[in-house]
């Protein structure tokens, strides 16, 4: 979602200038299945789990970002106008924690190591 409060100024009869602040709200949701070899058979790297029992990585976050939009409009004559706009980059800093589930023995090992 973006909120774009804007302002415009007619500099001359032929030239108009505009500016806007772009306040953008973003929602990030990502889920990833992690196929892990059966922990009961060390050394066997053939994945034996089905998709419903795969480990999961979930990341969810929401963030606000700000940007700027600048524009100009030039009227050559009554029937011809030319306009330009410039949009700055809007950075949405998603930094939500990664949440793992169903990791089995691998998860226990990582937790014991402090990972």
PDB file of N, CA and C in Angstrom:
ATOM      1  N   UNK A   1       0.850  -1.151   0.000  1.00  0.00           N
ATOM      2  CA  UNK A   1       0.000   0.000   0.000  1.00  0.00           C
ATOM      3  C   UNK A   1       0.906   1.228   0.000  1.00  0.00           C
ATOM      4  N   UNK A   2       0.543   2.217  -0.803  1.00  0.00           N
ATOM      5  CA  UNK A   2       1.298   3.468  -0.848  1.00  0.00           C
ATOM      6  C   UNK A   2       0.390   4.658  -0.586  1.00  0.00           C
ATOM      7  N   UNK A   3       0.884   5.578   0.201  1.00  0.00           N
ATOM      8  CA  UNK A   3       0.210   6.863   0.404  1.00  0.00           C
ATOM      9  C   UNK A   3       1.077   7.908  -0.280  1.00  0.00           C
ATOM     10  N   UNK A   4       0.464   8.746  -1.120  1.00  0.00           N
ATOM     11  CA  UNK A   4       1.218   9.684  -1.934  1.00  0.00           C
ATOM     12  C   UNK A   4       0.671  11.105  -1.822  1.00  0.00           C
ATOM     13  N   UNK A   5       0.878  11.787  -0.708  1.00  0.00           N
ATOM     14  CA  UNK A   5       0.468  13.187  -0.660  1.00  0.00           C
ATOM     15  C   UNK A   5       1.329  13.992  -1.641  1.00  0.00           C
ATOM     16  N   UNK A   6       0.675  14.815  -2.455  1.00  0.00           N
ATOM     17  CA  UNK A   6       1.376  15.506  -3.537  1.00  0.00           C
ATOM     18  C   UNK A   6       1.086  16.998  -3.520  1.00  0.00           C
ATOM     19  N   UNK A   7       1.986  17.735  -4.177  1.00  0.00           N
ATOM     20  CA  UNK A   7       1.815  19.170  -4.348  1.00  0.00           C
ATOM     21  C   UNK A   7       2.300  19.524  -5.753  1.00  0.00           C
ATOM     22  N   UNK A   8       1.654  20.519  -6.365  1.00  0.00           N
ATOM     23  CA  UNK A   8       2.048  20.959  -7.704  1.00  0.00           C
ATOM     24  C   UNK A   8       2.130  22.479  -7.721  1.00  0.00           C
ATOM     25  N   UNK A   9       2.982  22.993  -8.608  1.00  0.00           N
ATOM     26  CA  UNK A   9       3.185  24.436  -8.729  1.00  0.00           C
ATOM     27  C   UNK A   9       3.309  24.790 -10.203  1.00  0.00           C
ATOM     28  N   UNK A  10       2.525  25.757 -10.645  1.00  0.00           N
ATOM     29  CA  UNK A  10       2.606  26.218 -12.031  1.00  0.00           C
ATOM     30  C   UNK A  10       3.650  27.334 -12.075  1.00  0.00           C
ATOM     31  N   UNK A  11       4.861  27.004 -12.520  1.00  0.00           N
ATOM     32  CA  UNK A  11       5.976  27.939 -12.520  1.00  0.00           C
ATOM     33  C   UNK A  11       5.803  29.032 -13.575  1.00  0.00           C
ATOM     34  N   UNK A  12       5.330  28.637 -14.754  1.00  0.00           N
ATOM     35  CA  UNK A  12       5.050  29.591 -15.839  1.00  0.00           C
ATOM     36  C   UNK A  12       3.773  29.125 -16.523  1.00  0.00           C
ATOM     37  N   UNK A  13       3.370  29.847 -17.551  1.00  0.00           N
ATOM     38  CA  UNK A  13       2.182  29.431 -18.304  1.00  0.00           C
ATOM     39  C   UNK A  13       2.394  28.081 -18.987  1.00  0.00           C
ATOM     40  N   UNK A  14       3.637  27.693 -19.213  1.00  0.00           N
ATOM     41  CA  UNK A  14       3.920  26.455 -19.935  1.00  0.00           C
ATOM     42  C   UNK A  14       4.548  25.358 -19.070  1.00  0.00           C
ATOM     43  N   UNK A  15       5.077  25.701 -17.914  1.00  0.00           N
ATOM     44  CA  UNK A  15       5.801  24.738 -17.089  1.00  0.00           C
ATOM     45  C   UNK A  15       5.135  24.563 -15.727  1.00  0.00           C
ATOM     46  N   UNK A  16       4.851  23.293 -15.400  1.00  0.00           N
ATOM     47  CA  UNK A  16       4.323  22.938 -14.077  1.00  0.00           C
ATOM     48  C   UNK A  16       5.260  21.942 -13.426  1.00  0.00           C
ATOM     49  N   UNK A  17       5.437  22.068 -12.106  1.00  0.00           N
ATOM     50  CA  UNK A  17       6.310  21.182 -11.334  1.00  0.00           C
ATOM     51  C   UNK A  17       5.486  20.484 -10.259  1.00  0.00           C
ATOM     52  N   UNK A  18       5.861  19.261  -9.936  1.00  0.00           N
ATOM     53  CA  UNK A  18       5.149  18.514  -8.906  1.00  0.00           C
ATOM     54  C   UNK A  18       6.098  17.711  -8.051  1.00  0.00           C
ATOM     55  N   UNK A  19       5.666  17.424  -6.843  1.00  0.00           N
ATOM     56  CA  UNK A  19       6.446  16.596  -5.914  1.00  0.00           C
ATOM     57  C   UNK A  19       5.490  15.802  -5.037  1.00  0.00           C
ATOM     58  N   UNK A  20       5.969  14.640  -4.626  1.00  0.00           N
ATOM     59  CA  UNK A  20       5.157  13.770  -3.797  1.00  0.00           C
ATOM     60  C   UNK A  20       6.054  12.981  -2.858  1.00  0.00           C
ATOM     61  N   UNK A  21       5.558  12.707  -1.668  1.00  0.00           N
ATOM     62  CA  UNK A  21       6.218  11.793  -0.742  1.00  0.00           C
ATOM     63  C   UNK A  21       5.518  10.451  -0.887  1.00  0.00           C
ATOM     64  N   UNK A  22       6.299   9.397  -1.075  1.00  0.00           N
ATOM     65  CA  UNK A  22       5.754   8.061  -1.234  1.00  0.00           C
ATOM     66  C   UNK A  22       5.970   7.295   0.066  1.00  0.00           C
ATOM     67  N   UNK A  23       4.924   7.169   0.870  1.00  0.00           N
ATOM     68  CA  UNK A  23       4.972   6.380   2.102  1.00  0.00           C
ATOM     69  C   UNK A  23       4.395   5.000   1.772  1.00  0.00           C
ATOM     70  N   UNK A  24       5.273   3.989   1.754  1.00  0.00           N
ATOM     71  CA  UNK A  24       4.868   2.652   1.315  1.00  0.00           C
ATOM     72  C   UNK A  24       4.897   1.680   2.496  1.00  0.00           C
ATOM     73  N   UNK A  25       3.842   0.881   2.603  1.00  0.00           N
ATOM     74  CA  UNK A  25       3.729  -0.155   3.628  1.00  0.00           C
ATOM     75  C   UNK A  25       3.797  -1.504   2.935  1.00  0.00           C
ATOM     76  N   UNK A  26       4.703  -2.360   3.385  1.00  0.00           N
ATOM     77  CA  UNK A  26       4.861  -3.667   2.762  1.00  0.00           C
ATOM     78  C   UNK A  26       4.687  -4.797   3.751  1.00  0.00           C
ATOM     79  N   UNK A  27       4.171  -5.904   3.245  1.00  0.00           N
ATOM     80  CA  UNK A  27       3.992  -7.121   4.037  1.00  0.00           C
ATOM     81  C   UNK A  27       4.757  -8.236   3.339  1.00  0.00           C
ATOM     82  N   UNK A  28       5.643  -8.893   4.080  1.00  0.00           N
ATOM     83  CA  UNK A  28       6.459  -9.976   3.531  1.00  0.00           C
ATOM     84  C   UNK A  28       6.101 -11.271   4.258  1.00  0.00           C
ATOM     85  N   UNK A  29       5.733 -12.277   3.487  1.00  0.00           N
ATOM     86  CA  UNK A  29       5.461 -13.606   4.043  1.00  0.00           C
ATOM     87  C   UNK A  29       6.113 -14.632   3.127  1.00  0.00           C
ATOM     88  N   UNK A  30       6.919 -15.508   3.720  1.00  0.00           N
ATOM     89  CA  UNK A  30       7.594 -16.529   2.931  1.00  0.00           C
ATOM     90  C   UNK A  30       7.642 -17.816   3.735  1.00  0.00           C
ATOM     91  N   UNK A  31       7.331 -18.913   3.071  1.00  0.00           N
ATOM     92  CA  UNK A  31       7.400 -20.225   3.705  1.00  0.00           C
ATOM     93  C   UNK A  31       8.193 -21.135   2.784  1.00  0.00           C
ATOM     94  N   UNK A  32       9.125 -21.858   3.363  1.00  0.00           N
ATOM     95  CA  UNK A  32      10.001 -22.715   2.596  1.00  0.00           C
ATOM     96  C   UNK A  32      10.013 -24.098   3.223  1.00  0.00           C
ATOM     97  N   UNK A  33       9.873 -25.126   2.402  1.00  0.00           N
ATOM     98  CA  UNK A  33       9.992 -26.498   2.883  1.00  0.00           C
ATOM     99  C   UNK A  33      11.461 -26.905   2.804  1.00  0.00           C
ATOM    100  N   UNK A  34      11.944 -27.564   3.846  1.00  0.00           N
ATOM    101  CA  UNK A  34      13.331 -28.005   3.891  1.00  0.00           C
ATOM    102  C   UNK A  34      13.327 -29.526   3.917  1.00  0.00           C
ATOM    103  N   UNK A  35      13.838 -30.130   2.857  1.00  0.00           N
ATOM    104  CA  UNK A  35      13.871 -31.576   2.744  1.00  0.00           C
ATOM    105  C   UNK A  35      15.097 -32.089   3.483  1.00  0.00           C
ATOM    106  N   UNK A  36      14.875 -32.840   4.568  1.00  0.00           N
ATOM    107  CA  UNK A  36      15.965 -33.316   5.417  1.00  0.00           C
ATOM    108  C   UNK A  36      16.037 -34.841   5.325  1.00  0.00           C
ATOM    109  N   UNK A  37      17.257 -35.388   5.183  1.00  0.00           N
ATOM    110  CA  UNK A  37      17.385 -36.863   5.203  1.00  0.00           C
ATOM    111  C   UNK A  37      16.896 -37.415   6.535  1.00  0.00           C
ATOM    112  N   UNK A  38      16.455 -38.642   6.514  1.00  0.00           N
ATOM    113  CA  UNK A  38      15.948 -39.287   7.720  1.00  0.00           C
ATOM    114  C   UNK A  38      17.030 -39.303   8.795  1.00  0.00           C
ATOM    115  N   UNK A  39      16.759 -38.647   9.919  1.00  0.00           N
ATOM    116  CA  UNK A  39      17.748 -38.510  10.991  1.00  0.00           C
ATOM    117  C   UNK A  39      18.067 -39.850  11.661  1.00  0.00           C
ATOM    118  N   UNK A  40      17.222 -40.862  11.468  1.00  0.00           N
ATOM    119  CA  UNK A  40      17.455 -42.160  12.088  1.00  0.00           C
ATOM    120  C   UNK A  40      18.506 -42.977  11.340  1.00  0.00           C
ATOM    121  N   UNK A  41      18.893 -42.530  10.149  1.00  0.00           N
ATOM    122  CA  UNK A  41      19.883 -43.263   9.357  1.00  0.00           C
ATOM    123  C   UNK A  41      21.053 -42.346   9.036  1.00  0.00           C
ATOM    124  N   UNK A  42      21.978 -42.156   9.952  1.00  0.00           N
ATOM    125  CA  UNK A  42      23.110 -41.263   9.700  1.00  0.00           C
ATOM    126  C   UNK A  42      23.889 -41.713   8.469  1.00  0.00           C
ATOM    127  N   UNK A  43      24.314 -40.741   7.682  1.00  0.00           N
ATOM    128  CA  UNK A  43      25.091 -41.036   6.485  1.00  0.00           C
ATOM    129  C   UNK A  43      24.239 -41.286   5.259  1.00  0.00           C
ATOM    130  N   UNK A  44      22.948 -41.491   5.444  1.00  0.00           N
ATOM    131  CA  UNK A  44      22.059 -41.695   4.306  1.00  0.00           C
ATOM    132  C   UNK A  44      21.516 -40.335   3.888  1.00  0.00           C
ATOM    133  N   UNK A  45      21.943 -39.829   2.752  1.00  0.00           N
ATOM    134  CA  UNK A  45      21.550 -38.493   2.323  1.00  0.00           C
ATOM    135  C   UNK A  45      20.407 -38.505   1.318  1.00  0.00           C
ATOM    136  N   UNK A  46      19.709 -39.621   1.213  1.00  0.00           N
ATOM    137  CA  UNK A  46      18.555 -39.690   0.333  1.00  0.00           C
ATOM    138  C   UNK A  46      17.337 -39.203   1.118  1.00  0.00           C
ATOM    139  N   UNK A  47      16.706 -38.125   0.676  1.00  0.00           N
ATOM    140  CA  UNK A  47      15.530 -37.624   1.413  1.00  0.00           C
ATOM    141  C   UNK A  47      14.429 -38.669   1.436  1.00  0.00           C
ATOM    142  N   UNK A  48      13.959 -39.013   2.644  1.00  0.00           N
ATOM    143  CA  UNK A  48      12.915 -40.032   2.757  1.00  0.00           C
ATOM    144  C   UNK A  48      11.618 -39.461   3.287  1.00  0.00           C
ATOM    145  N   UNK A  49      11.612 -38.200   3.647  1.00  0.00           N
ATOM    146  CA  UNK A  49      10.391 -37.602   4.187  1.00  0.00           C
ATOM    147  C   UNK A  49       9.497 -37.117   3.042  1.00  0.00           C
ATOM    148  N   UNK A  50       8.236 -37.132   3.272  1.00  0.00           N
ATOM    149  CA  UNK A  50       7.274 -36.574   2.328  1.00  0.00           C
ATOM    150  C   UNK A  50       7.087 -35.092   2.600  1.00  0.00           C
ATOM    151  N   UNK A  51       6.471 -34.382   1.673  1.00  0.00           N
ATOM    152  CA  UNK A  51       6.318 -32.926   1.786  1.00  0.00           C
ATOM    153  C   UNK A  51       5.594 -32.517   3.065  1.00  0.00           C
ATOM    154  N   UNK A  52       4.605 -33.295   3.499  1.00  0.00           N
ATOM    155  CA  UNK A  52       3.853 -32.901   4.698  1.00  0.00           C
ATOM    156  C   UNK A  52       4.677 -33.029   5.974  1.00  0.00           C
ATOM    157  N   UNK A  53       5.778 -33.773   5.932  1.00  0.00           N
ATOM    158  CA  UNK A  53       6.619 -33.903   7.123  1.00  0.00           C
ATOM    159  C   UNK A  53       7.946 -33.176   6.966  1.00  0.00           C
ATOM    160  N   UNK A  54       8.126 -32.431   5.891  1.00  0.00           N
ATOM    161  CA  UNK A  54       9.343 -31.644   5.719  1.00  0.00           C
ATOM    162  C   UNK A  54       9.456 -30.600   6.814  1.00  0.00           C
ATOM    163  N   UNK A  55      10.675 -30.232   7.093  1.00  0.00           N
ATOM    164  CA  UNK A  55      10.890 -29.113   8.006  1.00  0.00           C
ATOM    165  C   UNK A  55      10.425 -27.844   7.299  1.00  0.00           C
ATOM    166  N   UNK A  56      10.158 -26.809   8.069  1.00  0.00           N
ATOM    167  CA  UNK A  56       9.641 -25.553   7.510  1.00  0.00           C
ATOM    168  C   UNK A  56      10.458 -24.371   8.012  1.00  0.00           C
ATOM    169  N   UNK A  57      10.601 -23.410   7.125  1.00  0.00           N
ATOM    170  CA  UNK A  57      11.167 -22.116   7.489  1.00  0.00           C
ATOM    171  C   UNK A  57      10.107 -21.076   7.161  1.00  0.00           C
ATOM    172  N   UNK A  58       9.695 -20.331   8.162  1.00  0.00           N
ATOM    173  CA  UNK A  58       8.699 -19.272   7.974  1.00  0.00           C
ATOM    174  C   UNK A  58       9.326 -17.935   8.342  1.00  0.00           C
ATOM    175  N   UNK A  59       9.114 -16.942   7.486  1.00  0.00           N
ATOM    176  CA  UNK A  59       9.552 -15.579   7.765  1.00  0.00           C
ATOM    177  C   UNK A  59       8.384 -14.655   7.445  1.00  0.00           C
ATOM    178  N   UNK A  60       8.024 -13.823   8.408  1.00  0.00           N
ATOM    179  CA  UNK A  60       6.954 -12.843   8.205  1.00  0.00           C
ATOM    180  C   UNK A  60       7.390 -11.524   8.817  1.00  0.00           C
ATOM    181  N   UNK A  61       7.108 -10.427   8.113  1.00  0.00           N
ATOM    182  CA  UNK A  61       7.447  -9.109   8.633  1.00  0.00           C
ATOM    183  C   UNK A  61       6.614  -8.057   7.910  1.00  0.00           C
ATOM    184  N   UNK A  62       6.545  -6.892   8.523  1.00  0.00           N
ATOM    185  CA  UNK A  62       5.869  -5.731   7.944  1.00  0.00           C
ATOM    186  C   UNK A  62       6.796  -4.537   8.123  1.00  0.00           C
ATOM    187  N   UNK A  63       6.800  -3.618   7.154  1.00  0.00           N
ATOM    188  CA  UNK A  63       7.705  -2.468   7.248  1.00  0.00           C
ATOM    189  C   UNK A  63       7.148  -1.281   6.478  1.00  0.00           C
ATOM    190  N   UNK A  64       7.573  -0.084   6.901  1.00  0.00           N
ATOM    191  CA  UNK A  64       7.277   1.156   6.205  1.00  0.00           C
ATOM    192  C   UNK A  64       8.552   1.638   5.519  1.00  0.00           C
ATOM    193  N   UNK A  65       8.399   2.256   4.354  1.00  0.00           N
ATOM    194  CA  UNK A  65       9.521   2.863   3.660  1.00  0.00           C
ATOM    195  C   UNK A  65       9.079   4.187   3.059  1.00  0.00           C
ATOM    196  N   UNK A  66      10.039   5.092   2.878  1.00  0.00           N
ATOM    197  CA  UNK A  66       9.739   6.409   2.319  1.00  0.00           C
ATOM    198  C   UNK A  66      10.530   6.645   1.043  1.00  0.00           C
ATOM    199  N   UNK A  67       9.910   7.353   0.122  1.00  0.00           N
ATOM    200  CA  UNK A  67      10.555   7.739  -1.122  1.00  0.00           C
ATOM    201  C   UNK A  67       9.998   9.070  -1.596  1.00  0.00           C
ATOM    202  N   UNK A  68      10.501   9.530  -2.722  1.00  0.00           N
ATOM    203  CA  UNK A  68      10.104  10.821  -3.286  1.00  0.00           C
ATOM    204  C   UNK A  68       9.795  10.625  -4.770  1.00  0.00           C
ATOM    205  N   UNK A  69       8.811  11.359  -5.246  1.00  0.00           N
ATOM    206  CA  UNK A  69       8.501  11.403  -6.680  1.00  0.00           C
ATOM    207  C   UNK A  69       8.512  12.869  -7.099  1.00  0.00           C
ATOM    208  N   UNK A  70       9.255  13.162  -8.150  1.00  0.00           N
ATOM    209  CA  UNK A  70       9.327  14.515  -8.698  1.00  0.00           C
ATOM    210  C   UNK A  70       8.840  14.485 -10.136  1.00  0.00           C
ATOM    211  N   UNK A  71       8.174  15.539 -10.559  1.00  0.00           N
ATOM    212  CA  UNK A  71       7.671  15.568 -11.928  1.00  0.00           C
ATOM    213  C   UNK A  71       7.643  16.968 -12.500  1.00  0.00           C
ATOM    214  N   UNK A  72       7.631  17.017 -13.822  1.00  0.00           N
ATOM    215  CA  UNK A  72       7.442  18.293 -14.513  1.00  0.00           C
ATOM    216  C   UNK A  72       6.611  18.053 -15.754  1.00  0.00           C
ATOM    217  N   UNK A  73       5.865  19.070 -16.135  1.00  0.00           N
ATOM    218  CA  UNK A  73       5.003  19.023 -17.311  1.00  0.00           C
ATOM    219  C   UNK A  73       5.218  20.311 -18.089  1.00  0.00           C
ATOM    220  N   UNK A  74       5.536  20.144 -19.378  1.00  0.00           N
ATOM    221  CA  UNK A  74       5.755  21.315 -20.229  1.00  0.00           C
ATOM    222  C   UNK A  74       4.740  21.299 -21.364  1.00  0.00           C
ATOM    223  N   UNK A  75       4.068  22.415 -21.560  1.00  0.00           N
ATOM    224  CA  UNK A  75       3.063  22.535 -22.611  1.00  0.00           C
ATOM    225  C   UNK A  75       3.673  23.298 -23.787  1.00  0.00           C
ATOM    226  N   UNK A  76       3.931  22.571 -24.878  1.00  0.00           N
ATOM    227  CA  UNK A  76       4.494  23.201 -26.077  1.00  0.00           C
ATOM    228  C   UNK A  76       3.464  24.085 -26.775  1.00  0.00           C
ATOM    229  N   UNK A  77       2.246  23.542 -26.888  1.00  0.00           N
ATOM    230  CA  UNK A  77       1.114  24.320 -27.416  1.00  0.00           C
ATOM    231  C   UNK A  77      -0.154  23.709 -26.837  1.00  0.00           C
ATOM    232  N   UNK A  78      -1.301  24.219 -27.224  1.00  0.00           N
ATOM    233  CA  UNK A  78      -2.573  23.780 -26.634  1.00  0.00           C
ATOM    234  C   UNK A  78      -2.827  22.281 -26.802  1.00  0.00           C
ATOM    235  N   UNK A  79      -2.263  21.668 -27.811  1.00  0.00           N
ATOM    236  CA  UNK A  79      -2.516  20.245 -28.056  1.00  0.00           C
ATOM    237  C   UNK A  79      -1.337  19.340 -27.745  1.00  0.00           C
ATOM    238  N   UNK A  80      -0.214  19.879 -27.288  1.00  0.00           N
ATOM    239  CA  UNK A  80       0.980  19.055 -27.073  1.00  0.00           C
ATOM    240  C   UNK A  80       1.619  19.371 -25.729  1.00  0.00           C
ATOM    241  N   UNK A  81       1.687  18.327 -24.890  1.00  0.00           N
ATOM    242  CA  UNK A  81       2.344  18.440 -23.583  1.00  0.00           C
ATOM    243  C   UNK A  81       3.315  17.273 -23.424  1.00  0.00           C
ATOM    244  N   UNK A  82       4.384  17.538 -22.728  1.00  0.00           N
ATOM    245  CA  UNK A  82       5.373  16.497 -22.467  1.00  0.00           C
ATOM    246  C   UNK A  82       5.692  16.515 -20.978  1.00  0.00           C
ATOM    247  N   UNK A  83       5.633  15.337 -20.353  1.00  0.00           N
ATOM    248  CA  UNK A  83       5.884  15.256 -18.921  1.00  0.00           C
ATOM    249  C   UNK A  83       6.942  14.226 -18.592  1.00  0.00           C
ATOM    250  N   UNK A  84       7.635  14.460 -17.497  1.00  0.00           N
ATOM    251  CA  UNK A  84       8.644  13.538 -16.986  1.00  0.00           C
ATOM    252  C   UNK A  84       8.417  13.346 -15.494  1.00  0.00           C
ATOM    253  N   UNK A  85       8.673  12.123 -15.034  1.00  0.00           N
ATOM    254  CA  UNK A  85       8.629  11.860 -13.597  1.00  0.00           C
ATOM    255  C   UNK A  85       9.882  11.093 -13.205  1.00  0.00           C
ATOM    256  N   UNK A  86      10.280  11.279 -11.964  1.00  0.00           N
ATOM    257  CA  UNK A  86      11.414  10.539 -11.389  1.00  0.00           C
ATOM    258  C   UNK A  86      10.955   9.981 -10.056  1.00  0.00           C
ATOM    259  N   UNK A  87      11.174   8.684  -9.877  1.00  0.00           N
ATOM    260  CA  UNK A  87      10.804   8.005  -8.630  1.00  0.00           C
ATOM    261  C   UNK A  87      12.063   7.553  -7.916  1.00  0.00           C
ATOM    262  N   UNK A  88      12.196   7.937  -6.661  1.00  0.00           N
ATOM    263  CA  UNK A  88      13.325   7.435  -5.885  1.00  0.00           C
ATOM    264  C   UNK A  88      13.035   6.002  -5.456  1.00  0.00           C
ATOM    265  N   UNK A  89      14.066   5.321  -5.036  1.00  0.00           N
ATOM    266  CA  UNK A  89      13.919   3.971  -4.523  1.00  0.00           C
ATOM    267  C   UNK A  89      13.266   4.027  -3.147  1.00  0.00           C
ATOM    268  N   UNK A  90      12.380   3.071  -2.873  1.00  0.00           N
ATOM    269  CA  UNK A  90      11.766   2.933  -1.552  1.00  0.00           C
ATOM    270  C   UNK A  90      12.326   1.656  -0.936  1.00  0.00           C
ATOM    271  N   UNK A  91      13.043   1.796   0.161  1.00  0.00           N
ATOM    272  CA  UNK A  91      13.613   0.638   0.843  1.00  0.00           C
ATOM    273  C   UNK A  91      12.679   0.176   1.950  1.00  0.00           C
ATOM    274  N   UNK A  92      12.247  -1.074   1.848  1.00  0.00           N
ATOM    275  CA  UNK A  92      11.453  -1.696   2.898  1.00  0.00           C
ATOM    276  C   UNK A  92      12.393  -2.646   3.640  1.00  0.00           C
ATOM    277  N   UNK A  93      12.716  -2.331   4.866  1.00  0.00           N
ATOM    278  CA  UNK A  93      13.682  -3.099   5.645  1.00  0.00           C
ATOM    279  C   UNK A  93      12.974  -4.232   6.379  1.00  0.00           C
ATOM    280  N   UNK A  94      12.808  -5.355   5.674  1.00  0.00           N
ATOM    281  CA  UNK A  94      12.197  -6.517   6.308  1.00  0.00           C
ATOM    282  C   UNK A  94      13.264  -7.231   7.131  1.00  0.00           C
ATOM    283  N   UNK A  95      13.012  -7.382   8.404  1.00  0.00           N
ATOM    284  CA  UNK A  95      14.009  -8.004   9.275  1.00  0.00           C
ATOM    285  C   UNK A  95      13.352  -8.937  10.293  1.00  0.00           C
ATOM    286  N   UNK A  96      12.281  -9.581   9.885  1.00  0.00           N
ATOM    287  CA  UNK A  96      11.582 -10.490  10.786  1.00  0.00           C
ATOM    288  C   UNK A  96      12.420 -11.714  11.093  1.00  0.00           C
ATOM    289  N   UNK A  97      12.184 -12.328  12.243  1.00  0.00           N
ATOM    290  CA  UNK A  97      12.968 -13.505  12.628  1.00  0.00           C
ATOM    291  C   UNK A  97      12.579 -14.726  11.798  1.00  0.00           C
ATOM    292  N   UNK A  98      13.559 -15.563  11.545  1.00  0.00           N
ATOM    293  CA  UNK A  98      13.303 -16.838  10.865  1.00  0.00           C
ATOM    294  C   UNK A  98      12.791 -17.831  11.895  1.00  0.00           C
ATOM    295  N   UNK A  99      11.703 -18.508  11.576  1.00  0.00           N
ATOM    296  CA  UNK A  99      11.112 -19.493  12.482  1.00  0.00           C
ATOM    297  C   UNK A  99      11.166 -20.861  11.821  1.00  0.00           C
ATOM    298  N   UNK A 100      11.857 -21.788  12.460  1.00  0.00           N
ATOM    299  CA  UNK A 100      11.989 -23.146  11.945  1.00  0.00           C
ATOM    300  C   UNK A 100      11.050 -24.072  12.705  1.00  0.00           C
ATOM    301  N   UNK A 101      10.550 -25.090  12.022  1.00  0.00           N
ATOM    302  CA  UNK A 101       9.721 -26.093  12.682  1.00  0.00           C
ATOM    303  C   UNK A 101       9.989 -27.461  12.064  1.00  0.00           C
ATOM    304  N   UNK A 102       9.743 -28.507  12.840  1.00  0.00           N
ATOM    305  CA  UNK A 102       9.835 -29.889  12.380  1.00  0.00           C
ATOM    306  C   UNK A 102      11.238 -30.256  11.897  1.00  0.00           C
ATOM    307  N   UNK A 103      12.261 -29.775  12.601  1.00  0.00           N
ATOM    308  CA  UNK A 103      13.634 -30.061  12.185  1.00  0.00           C
ATOM    309  C   UNK A 103      14.171 -31.384  12.718  1.00  0.00           C
ATOM    310  N   UNK A 104      13.484 -31.983  13.674  1.00  0.00           N
ATOM    311  CA  UNK A 104      13.929 -33.269  14.211  1.00  0.00           C
ATOM    312  C   UNK A 104      15.299 -33.180  14.858  1.00  0.00           C
ATOM    313  N   UNK A 105      16.136 -34.218  14.629  1.00  0.00           N
ATOM    314  CA  UNK A 105      17.460 -34.289  15.241  1.00  0.00           C
ATOM    315  C   UNK A 105      18.356 -33.137  14.798  1.00  0.00           C
ATOM    316  N   UNK A 106      18.221 -32.688  13.556  1.00  0.00           N
ATOM    317  CA  UNK A 106      19.011 -31.543  13.062  1.00  0.00           C
ATOM    318  C   UNK A 106      18.709 -30.297  13.882  1.00  0.00           C
ATOM    319  N   UNK A 107      17.444 -30.069  14.180  1.00  0.00           N
ATOM    320  CA  UNK A 107      17.065 -28.911  14.985  1.00  0.00           C
ATOM    321  C   UNK A 107      17.621 -28.982  16.391  1.00  0.00           C
ATOM    322  N   UNK A 108      17.580 -30.167  16.985  1.00  0.00           N
ATOM    323  CA  UNK A 108      18.140 -30.339  18.334  1.00  0.00           C
ATOM    324  C   UNK A 108      19.642 -30.060  18.312  1.00  0.00           C
ATOM    325  N   UNK A 109      20.335 -30.566  17.318  1.00  0.00           N
ATOM    326  CA  UNK A 109      21.780 -30.341  17.192  1.00  0.00           C
ATOM    327  C   UNK A 109      22.092 -28.859  17.047  1.00  0.00           C
ATOM    328  N   UNK A 110      21.343 -28.155  16.182  1.00  0.00           N
ATOM    329  CA  UNK A 110      21.582 -26.728  15.984  1.00  0.00           C
ATOM    330  C   UNK A 110      21.273 -25.942  17.250  1.00  0.00           C
ATOM    331  N   UNK A 111      20.201 -26.288  17.934  1.00  0.00           N
ATOM    332  CA  UNK A 111      19.835 -25.582  19.172  1.00  0.00           C
ATOM    333  C   UNK A 111      20.907 -25.800  20.246  1.00  0.00           C
ATOM    334  N   UNK A 112      21.472 -27.017  20.327  1.00  0.00           N
ATOM    335  CA  UNK A 112      22.509 -27.299  21.307  1.00  0.00           C
ATOM    336  C   UNK A 112      23.793 -26.522  21.000  1.00  0.00           C
ATOM    337  N   UNK A 113      24.017 -26.210  19.732  1.00  0.00           N
ATOM    338  CA  UNK A 113      25.199 -25.434  19.324  1.00  0.00           C
ATOM    339  C   UNK A 113      24.963 -23.924  19.449  1.00  0.00           C
ATOM    340  N   UNK A 114      23.707 -23.534  19.711  1.00  0.00           N
ATOM    341  CA  UNK A 114      23.392 -22.107  19.821  1.00  0.00           C
ATOM    342  C   UNK A 114      23.142 -21.435  18.487  1.00  0.00           C
ATOM    343  N   UNK A 115      22.840 -22.200  17.456  1.00  0.00           N
ATOM    344  CA  UNK A 115      22.576 -21.624  16.129  1.00  0.00           C
ATOM    345  C   UNK A 115      21.159 -21.127  16.018  1.00  0.00           C
TER     346      UNK A 115
END
